């Protein structure tokens, strides 16, 4: 790289930094209107269903573990994978108390550090994965999954059926409002997944196909406040 080219690039970077430090000098778009709270549930559900997700409302006072069991029975699931979160422990306890015939595999350590054989044993026969969403974005119909040791990302990416639990109190308007509410300026999550439906691709002859590189089915259990 010539000296002139190097100086040109450095000058452009410095100018960009100066613009960032002086918001008044930037040509910014006006802020988008925020979706009213009373429309969050309807918009969230509508957009998820438009993306081929199955959204089921669990009324306040109803048992969400029972709703999970109903999904497992409907899809004839014999092998379920869960994490070690409090919600996963609750589900496992209910399944044990009701003598559910479903075999439960618990991801009790950081899956990313396991070798290929261990991963194969965990997921080879797993038909469904259960996760608890940290939130939901109404304006895009997206689940927000905070993955980590208690809930590895493979639970929502590998099994053909993904069962996601989300509480209406955890819905928010948009990604921007999520950032503001959770005060990410003081510390961001290590890893987030935004899920808006089952896996799909149109890479081959531009023909839309589901489940090519992830779950073919997404069931969202929305627990009303």
C-alpha atoms as a PDB file:
ATOM      1  CA  UNK A   1       0.000   0.000   0.000  1.00  0.00           C
ATOM      2  CA  UNK A   2       1.376   3.398  -0.960  1.00  0.00           C
ATOM      3  CA  UNK A   3       1.863   6.125   1.610  1.00  0.00           C
ATOM      4  CA  UNK A   4      -0.823   8.294  -0.035  1.00  0.00           C
ATOM      5  CA  UNK A   5      -3.377   5.491   0.044  1.00  0.00           C
ATOM      6  CA  UNK A   6      -2.564   4.780   3.693  1.00  0.00           C
ATOM      7  CA  UNK A   7      -3.000   8.417   4.647  1.00  0.00           C
ATOM      8  CA  UNK A   8      -6.275   8.614   2.717  1.00  0.00           C
ATOM      9  CA  UNK A   9      -7.707   5.629   4.634  1.00  0.00           C
ATOM     10  CA  UNK A  10      -6.537   7.014   7.984  1.00  0.00           C
ATOM     11  CA  UNK A  11      -8.073  10.422   7.213  1.00  0.00           C
ATOM     12  CA  UNK A  12     -11.401   8.775   6.369  1.00  0.00           C
ATOM     13  CA  UNK A  13     -11.353   6.800   9.625  1.00  0.00           C
ATOM     14  CA  UNK A  14     -10.550   9.909  11.638  1.00  0.00           C
ATOM     15  CA  UNK A  15     -13.370  11.811   9.961  1.00  0.00           C
ATOM     16  CA  UNK A  16     -15.800   8.991  10.713  1.00  0.00           C
ATOM     17  CA  UNK A  17     -14.761   8.998  14.367  1.00  0.00           C
ATOM     18  CA  UNK A  18     -15.237  12.774  14.525  1.00  0.00           C
ATOM     19  CA  UNK A  19     -18.752  12.416  13.128  1.00  0.00           C
ATOM     20  CA  UNK A  20     -19.575   9.777  15.737  1.00  0.00           C
ATOM     21  CA  UNK A  21     -18.388  12.059  18.498  1.00  0.00           C
ATOM     22  CA  UNK A  22     -20.554  14.923  17.199  1.00  0.00           C
ATOM     23  CA  UNK A  23     -24.097  13.595  16.690  1.00  0.00           C
ATOM     24  CA  UNK A  24     -25.366  17.010  15.654  1.00  0.00           C
ATOM     25  CA  UNK A  25     -23.193  16.809  12.531  1.00  0.00           C
ATOM     26  CA  UNK A  26     -24.597  13.453  11.443  1.00  0.00           C
ATOM     27  CA  UNK A  27     -27.419  13.100   8.946  1.00  0.00           C
ATOM     28  CA  UNK A  28     -29.549  10.795  11.110  1.00  0.00           C
ATOM     29  CA  UNK A  29     -32.939   9.297  10.363  1.00  0.00           C
ATOM     30  CA  UNK A  30     -35.739  10.329  12.713  1.00  0.00           C
ATOM     31  CA  UNK A  31     -36.598   7.746  15.399  1.00  0.00           C
ATOM     32  CA  UNK A  32     -39.181   5.162  14.389  1.00  0.00           C
ATOM     33  CA  UNK A  33     -42.545   5.207  16.171  1.00  0.00           C
ATOM     34  CA  UNK A  34     -42.829   2.638  18.967  1.00  0.00           C
ATOM     35  CA  UNK A  35     -45.586   0.050  18.759  1.00  0.00           C
ATOM     36  CA  UNK A  36     -48.116   0.566  21.599  1.00  0.00           C
ATOM     37  CA  UNK A  37     -47.974  -2.016  24.378  1.00  0.00           C
ATOM     38  CA  UNK A  38     -51.566  -3.159  23.864  1.00  0.00           C
ATOM     39  CA  UNK A  39     -50.611  -4.356  20.365  1.00  0.00           C
ATOM     40  CA  UNK A  40     -47.496  -6.334  21.299  1.00  0.00           C
ATOM     41  CA  UNK A  41     -49.111  -9.746  21.775  1.00  0.00           C
ATOM     42  CA  UNK A  42     -51.175  -9.581  18.576  1.00  0.00           C
ATOM     43  CA  UNK A  43     -48.301  -8.367  16.385  1.00  0.00           C
ATOM     44  CA  UNK A  44     -45.826 -10.832  17.904  1.00  0.00           C
ATOM     45  CA  UNK A  45     -48.204 -13.720  17.259  1.00  0.00           C
ATOM     46  CA  UNK A  46     -49.184 -12.561  13.781  1.00  0.00           C
ATOM     47  CA  UNK A  47     -45.631 -12.266  12.508  1.00  0.00           C
ATOM     48  CA  UNK A  48     -44.474 -15.562  14.014  1.00  0.00           C
ATOM     49  CA  UNK A  49     -47.410 -17.394  12.466  1.00  0.00           C
ATOM     50  CA  UNK A  50     -46.701 -15.700   9.125  1.00  0.00           C
ATOM     51  CA  UNK A  51     -43.264 -17.335   9.325  1.00  0.00           C
ATOM     52  CA  UNK A  52     -44.787 -20.800   9.878  1.00  0.00           C
ATOM     53  CA  UNK A  53     -44.402 -20.923  13.654  1.00  0.00           C
ATOM     54  CA  UNK A  54     -47.140 -22.510  15.763  1.00  0.00           C
ATOM     55  CA  UNK A  55     -48.004 -20.022  18.527  1.00  0.00           C
ATOM     56  CA  UNK A  56     -50.133 -21.326  21.402  1.00  0.00           C
ATOM     57  CA  UNK A  57     -51.492 -19.067  24.112  1.00  0.00           C
ATOM     58  CA  UNK A  58     -51.245 -20.410  27.652  1.00  0.00           C
ATOM     59  CA  UNK A  59     -53.757 -18.492  29.721  1.00  0.00           C
ATOM     60  CA  UNK A  60     -52.769 -17.078  33.103  1.00  0.00           C
ATOM     61  CA  UNK A  61     -53.261 -19.755  35.744  1.00  0.00           C
ATOM     62  CA  UNK A  62     -52.850 -22.622  33.298  1.00  0.00           C
ATOM     63  CA  UNK A  63     -49.876 -24.981  33.545  1.00  0.00           C
ATOM     64  CA  UNK A  64     -47.236 -24.254  30.940  1.00  0.00           C
ATOM     65  CA  UNK A  65     -45.459 -27.608  31.658  1.00  0.00           C
ATOM     66  CA  UNK A  66     -48.715 -29.333  30.752  1.00  0.00           C
ATOM     67  CA  UNK A  67     -48.786 -27.323  27.528  1.00  0.00           C
ATOM     68  CA  UNK A  68     -45.294 -28.656  26.769  1.00  0.00           C
ATOM     69  CA  UNK A  69     -46.475 -32.213  27.457  1.00  0.00           C
ATOM     70  CA  UNK A  70     -49.392 -31.674  25.058  1.00  0.00           C
ATOM     71  CA  UNK A  71     -46.948 -30.622  22.330  1.00  0.00           C
ATOM     72  CA  UNK A  72     -44.729 -33.646  22.995  1.00  0.00           C
ATOM     73  CA  UNK A  73     -47.729 -35.945  22.736  1.00  0.00           C
ATOM     74  CA  UNK A  74     -49.009 -34.312  19.561  1.00  0.00           C
ATOM     75  CA  UNK A  75     -45.639 -34.601  17.821  1.00  0.00           C
ATOM     76  CA  UNK A  76     -45.033 -38.102  19.229  1.00  0.00           C
ATOM     77  CA  UNK A  77     -41.740 -37.028  20.753  1.00  0.00           C
ATOM     78  CA  UNK A  78     -39.823 -39.803  22.497  1.00  0.00           C
ATOM     79  CA  UNK A  79     -36.538 -37.969  23.167  1.00  0.00           C
ATOM     80  CA  UNK A  80     -36.359 -34.380  24.466  1.00  0.00           C
ATOM     81  CA  UNK A  81     -33.284 -32.255  25.201  1.00  0.00           C
ATOM     82  CA  UNK A  82     -33.363 -29.553  27.875  1.00  0.00           C
ATOM     83  CA  UNK A  83     -30.866 -27.348  29.679  1.00  0.00           C
ATOM     84  CA  UNK A  84     -30.270 -26.765  33.371  1.00  0.00           C
ATOM     85  CA  UNK A  85     -32.256 -23.558  33.853  1.00  0.00           C
ATOM     86  CA  UNK A  86     -34.947 -23.204  36.520  1.00  0.00           C
ATOM     87  CA  UNK A  87     -37.677 -23.617  33.907  1.00  0.00           C
ATOM     88  CA  UNK A  88     -36.039 -26.756  32.540  1.00  0.00           C
ATOM     89  CA  UNK A  89     -35.879 -28.181  36.068  1.00  0.00           C
ATOM     90  CA  UNK A  90     -39.572 -27.388  36.566  1.00  0.00           C
ATOM     91  CA  UNK A  91     -40.490 -29.144  33.338  1.00  0.00           C
ATOM     92  CA  UNK A  92     -38.386 -32.192  34.214  1.00  0.00           C
ATOM     93  CA  UNK A  93     -40.015 -32.421  37.664  1.00  0.00           C
ATOM     94  CA  UNK A  94     -43.520 -32.309  36.190  1.00  0.00           C
ATOM     95  CA  UNK A  95     -42.616 -34.934  33.599  1.00  0.00           C
ATOM     96  CA  UNK A  96     -41.272 -37.173  36.357  1.00  0.00           C
ATOM     97  CA  UNK A  97     -44.353 -36.640  38.554  1.00  0.00           C
ATOM     98  CA  UNK A  98     -46.712 -37.455  35.697  1.00  0.00           C
ATOM     99  CA  UNK A  99     -44.563 -40.421  34.622  1.00  0.00           C
ATOM    100  CA  UNK A 100     -44.134 -39.080  31.132  1.00  0.00           C
ATOM    101  CA  UNK A 101     -42.761 -41.729  28.753  1.00  0.00           C
ATOM    102  CA  UNK A 102     -40.530 -39.138  27.064  1.00  0.00           C
ATOM    103  CA  UNK A 103     -36.805 -39.663  27.586  1.00  0.00           C
ATOM    104  CA  UNK A 104     -35.129 -36.437  28.758  1.00  0.00           C
ATOM    105  CA  UNK A 105     -31.498 -35.641  27.967  1.00  0.00           C
ATOM    106  CA  UNK A 106     -30.028 -32.837  30.066  1.00  0.00           C
ATOM    107  CA  UNK A 107     -27.273 -30.664  28.643  1.00  0.00           C
ATOM    108  CA  UNK A 108     -25.510 -30.276  31.988  1.00  0.00           C
ATOM    109  CA  UNK A 109     -22.247 -28.769  30.762  1.00  0.00           C
ATOM    110  CA  UNK A 110     -20.964 -26.436  28.062  1.00  0.00           C
ATOM    111  CA  UNK A 111     -21.820 -28.346  24.891  1.00  0.00           C
ATOM    112  CA  UNK A 112     -19.329 -26.358  22.825  1.00  0.00           C
ATOM    113  CA  UNK A 113     -16.505 -28.045  24.768  1.00  0.00           C
ATOM    114  CA  UNK A 114     -17.687 -31.588  24.118  1.00  0.00           C
ATOM    115  CA  UNK A 115     -16.159 -33.763  21.448  1.00  0.00           C
ATOM    116  CA  UNK A 116     -18.034 -34.973  18.380  1.00  0.00           C
ATOM    117  CA  UNK A 117     -18.920 -38.364  19.880  1.00  0.00           C
ATOM    118  CA  UNK A 118     -20.483 -36.799  22.967  1.00  0.00           C
ATOM    119  CA  UNK A 119     -22.523 -34.404  20.837  1.00  0.00           C
ATOM    120  CA  UNK A 120     -23.666 -37.273  18.644  1.00  0.00           C
ATOM    121  CA  UNK A 121     -24.831 -39.263  21.668  1.00  0.00           C
ATOM    122  CA  UNK A 122     -26.751 -36.279  22.975  1.00  0.00           C
ATOM    123  CA  UNK A 123     -28.504 -35.271  19.765  1.00  0.00           C
ATOM    124  CA  UNK A 124     -28.540 -38.329  17.477  1.00  0.00           C
ATOM    125  CA  UNK A 125     -32.003 -39.437  18.588  1.00  0.00           C
ATOM    126  CA  UNK A 126     -33.256 -36.139  20.000  1.00  0.00           C
ATOM    127  CA  UNK A 127     -36.514 -35.121  18.388  1.00  0.00           C
ATOM    128  CA  UNK A 128     -37.172 -31.875  20.258  1.00  0.00           C
ATOM    129  CA  UNK A 129     -35.397 -29.186  22.247  1.00  0.00           C
ATOM    130  CA  UNK A 130     -36.951 -27.002  24.938  1.00  0.00           C
ATOM    131  CA  UNK A 131     -35.829 -23.429  25.643  1.00  0.00           C
ATOM    132  CA  UNK A 132     -37.057 -20.438  27.644  1.00  0.00           C
ATOM    133  CA  UNK A 133     -36.947 -17.199  25.681  1.00  0.00           C
ATOM    134  CA  UNK A 134     -35.565 -14.199  27.524  1.00  0.00           C
ATOM    135  CA  UNK A 135     -37.916 -11.962  25.589  1.00  0.00           C
ATOM    136  CA  UNK A 136     -39.883 -11.349  22.424  1.00  0.00           C
ATOM    137  CA  UNK A 137     -39.819  -8.508  19.882  1.00  0.00           C
ATOM    138  CA  UNK A 138     -43.326  -7.527  18.789  1.00  0.00           C
ATOM    139  CA  UNK A 139     -42.325  -5.433  15.774  1.00  0.00           C
ATOM    140  CA  UNK A 140     -40.459  -8.319  14.127  1.00  0.00           C
ATOM    141  CA  UNK A 141     -42.119 -11.372  15.693  1.00  0.00           C
ATOM    142  CA  UNK A 142     -38.808 -12.610  17.090  1.00  0.00           C
ATOM    143  CA  UNK A 143     -37.884 -14.688  20.113  1.00  0.00           C
ATOM    144  CA  UNK A 144     -34.824 -13.517  22.035  1.00  0.00           C
ATOM    145  CA  UNK A 145     -32.766 -16.453  23.336  1.00  0.00           C
ATOM    146  CA  UNK A 146     -29.862 -15.850  25.711  1.00  0.00           C
ATOM    147  CA  UNK A 147     -27.728 -18.938  25.272  1.00  0.00           C
ATOM    148  CA  UNK A 148     -25.024 -20.163  27.619  1.00  0.00           C
ATOM    149  CA  UNK A 149     -24.068 -23.066  29.913  1.00  0.00           C
ATOM    150  CA  UNK A 150     -27.605 -23.344  31.349  1.00  0.00           C
ATOM    151  CA  UNK A 151     -29.228 -23.265  27.920  1.00  0.00           C
ATOM    152  CA  UNK A 152     -26.806 -24.117  25.071  1.00  0.00           C
ATOM    153  CA  UNK A 153     -27.682 -22.768  21.642  1.00  0.00           C
ATOM    154  CA  UNK A 154     -27.778 -26.293  20.194  1.00  0.00           C
ATOM    155  CA  UNK A 155     -31.097 -26.887  21.980  1.00  0.00           C
ATOM    156  CA  UNK A 156     -32.790 -24.488  19.594  1.00  0.00           C
ATOM    157  CA  UNK A 157     -30.666 -25.160  16.504  1.00  0.00           C
ATOM    158  CA  UNK A 158     -30.196 -28.941  16.243  1.00  0.00           C
ATOM    159  CA  UNK A 159     -33.414 -30.920  17.034  1.00  0.00           C
ATOM    160  CA  UNK A 160     -36.107 -30.968  14.315  1.00  0.00           C
ATOM    161  CA  UNK A 161     -38.685 -29.557  16.758  1.00  0.00           C
ATOM    162  CA  UNK A 162     -38.003 -26.449  18.843  1.00  0.00           C
ATOM    163  CA  UNK A 163     -40.394 -25.766  21.736  1.00  0.00           C
ATOM    164  CA  UNK A 164     -39.927 -22.231  23.054  1.00  0.00           C
ATOM    165  CA  UNK A 165     -41.500 -20.822  26.204  1.00  0.00           C
ATOM    166  CA  UNK A 166     -41.993 -17.059  26.423  1.00  0.00           C
ATOM    167  CA  UNK A 167     -43.903 -14.984  28.951  1.00  0.00           C
ATOM    168  CA  UNK A 168     -46.016 -12.054  27.814  1.00  0.00           C
ATOM    169  CA  UNK A 169     -44.404  -9.872  30.488  1.00  0.00           C
ATOM    170  CA  UNK A 170     -41.089 -10.368  28.645  1.00  0.00           C
ATOM    171  CA  UNK A 171     -42.378  -8.973  25.341  1.00  0.00           C
ATOM    172  CA  UNK A 172     -41.169  -5.577  24.198  1.00  0.00           C
ATOM    173  CA  UNK A 173     -41.712  -3.424  21.130  1.00  0.00           C
ATOM    174  CA  UNK A 174     -38.401  -3.741  19.306  1.00  0.00           C
ATOM    175  CA  UNK A 175     -34.719  -4.554  19.560  1.00  0.00           C
ATOM    176  CA  UNK A 176     -34.040  -0.920  20.436  1.00  0.00           C
ATOM    177  CA  UNK A 177     -36.448  -1.001  23.381  1.00  0.00           C
ATOM    178  CA  UNK A 178     -34.922  -4.313  24.509  1.00  0.00           C
ATOM    179  CA  UNK A 179     -31.464  -2.729  24.605  1.00  0.00           C
ATOM    180  CA  UNK A 180     -32.807   0.232  26.574  1.00  0.00           C
ATOM    181  CA  UNK A 181     -34.785  -1.869  29.069  1.00  0.00           C
ATOM    182  CA  UNK A 182     -31.923  -4.260  29.804  1.00  0.00           C
ATOM    183  CA  UNK A 183     -29.342  -1.434  30.000  1.00  0.00           C
ATOM    184  CA  UNK A 184     -26.878  -3.085  27.652  1.00  0.00           C
ATOM    185  CA  UNK A 185     -24.661  -0.013  27.780  1.00  0.00           C
ATOM    186  CA  UNK A 186     -23.531  -1.371  31.153  1.00  0.00           C
ATOM    187  CA  UNK A 187     -22.943  -4.939  29.938  1.00  0.00           C
ATOM    188  CA  UNK A 188     -24.124  -6.927  26.936  1.00  0.00           C
ATOM    189  CA  UNK A 189     -25.154 -10.616  26.885  1.00  0.00           C
ATOM    190  CA  UNK A 190     -22.442 -12.997  25.721  1.00  0.00           C
ATOM    191  CA  UNK A 191     -24.573 -14.601  23.014  1.00  0.00           C
ATOM    192  CA  UNK A 192     -28.063 -13.933  21.673  1.00  0.00           C
ATOM    193  CA  UNK A 193     -30.211 -15.755  19.138  1.00  0.00           C
ATOM    194  CA  UNK A 194     -33.135 -14.049  17.430  1.00  0.00           C
ATOM    195  CA  UNK A 195     -35.609 -16.663  16.193  1.00  0.00           C
ATOM    196  CA  UNK A 196     -38.527 -15.680  13.967  1.00  0.00           C
ATOM    197  CA  UNK A 197     -39.657 -19.091  12.734  1.00  0.00           C
ATOM    198  CA  UNK A 198     -38.457 -22.571  11.787  1.00  0.00           C
ATOM    199  CA  UNK A 199     -35.286 -22.900   9.749  1.00  0.00           C
ATOM    200  CA  UNK A 200     -35.670 -22.113   6.054  1.00  0.00           C
ATOM    201  CA  UNK A 201     -33.514 -21.553   2.989  1.00  0.00           C
ATOM    202  CA  UNK A 202     -33.930 -20.810  -0.698  1.00  0.00           C
ATOM    203  CA  UNK A 203     -30.337 -21.491  -1.714  1.00  0.00           C
ATOM    204  CA  UNK A 204     -31.212 -24.306  -4.117  1.00  0.00           C
ATOM    205  CA  UNK A 205     -32.955 -23.032  -7.270  1.00  0.00           C
ATOM    206  CA  UNK A 206     -34.554 -20.295  -5.128  1.00  0.00           C
ATOM    207  CA  UNK A 207     -37.091 -22.823  -3.851  1.00  0.00           C
ATOM    208  CA  UNK A 208     -38.087 -22.175  -0.235  1.00  0.00           C
ATOM    209  CA  UNK A 209     -37.461 -25.209   1.959  1.00  0.00           C
ATOM    210  CA  UNK A 210     -37.893 -25.597   5.716  1.00  0.00           C
ATOM    211  CA  UNK A 211     -35.576 -27.455   8.072  1.00  0.00           C
ATOM    212  CA  UNK A 212     -32.539 -27.456   5.817  1.00  0.00           C
ATOM    213  CA  UNK A 213     -30.140 -26.356   8.553  1.00  0.00           C
ATOM    214  CA  UNK A 214     -32.185 -26.350  11.750  1.00  0.00           C
ATOM    215  CA  UNK A 215     -35.617 -27.112  13.221  1.00  0.00           C
ATOM    216  CA  UNK A 216     -38.404 -27.908  10.795  1.00  0.00           C
ATOM    217  CA  UNK A 217     -41.026 -26.962  13.368  1.00  0.00           C
ATOM    218  CA  UNK A 218     -41.220 -24.160  15.917  1.00  0.00           C
ATOM    219  CA  UNK A 219     -43.882 -24.227  18.649  1.00  0.00           C
ATOM    220  CA  UNK A 220     -44.066 -21.090  20.782  1.00  0.00           C
ATOM    221  CA  UNK A 221     -45.895 -21.271  24.096  1.00  0.00           C
ATOM    222  CA  UNK A 222     -46.874 -17.713  24.977  1.00  0.00           C
ATOM    223  CA  UNK A 223     -47.840 -17.461  28.654  1.00  0.00           C
ATOM    224  CA  UNK A 224     -50.351 -14.662  29.198  1.00  0.00           C
ATOM    225  CA  UNK A 225     -49.914 -12.247  32.092  1.00  0.00           C
END
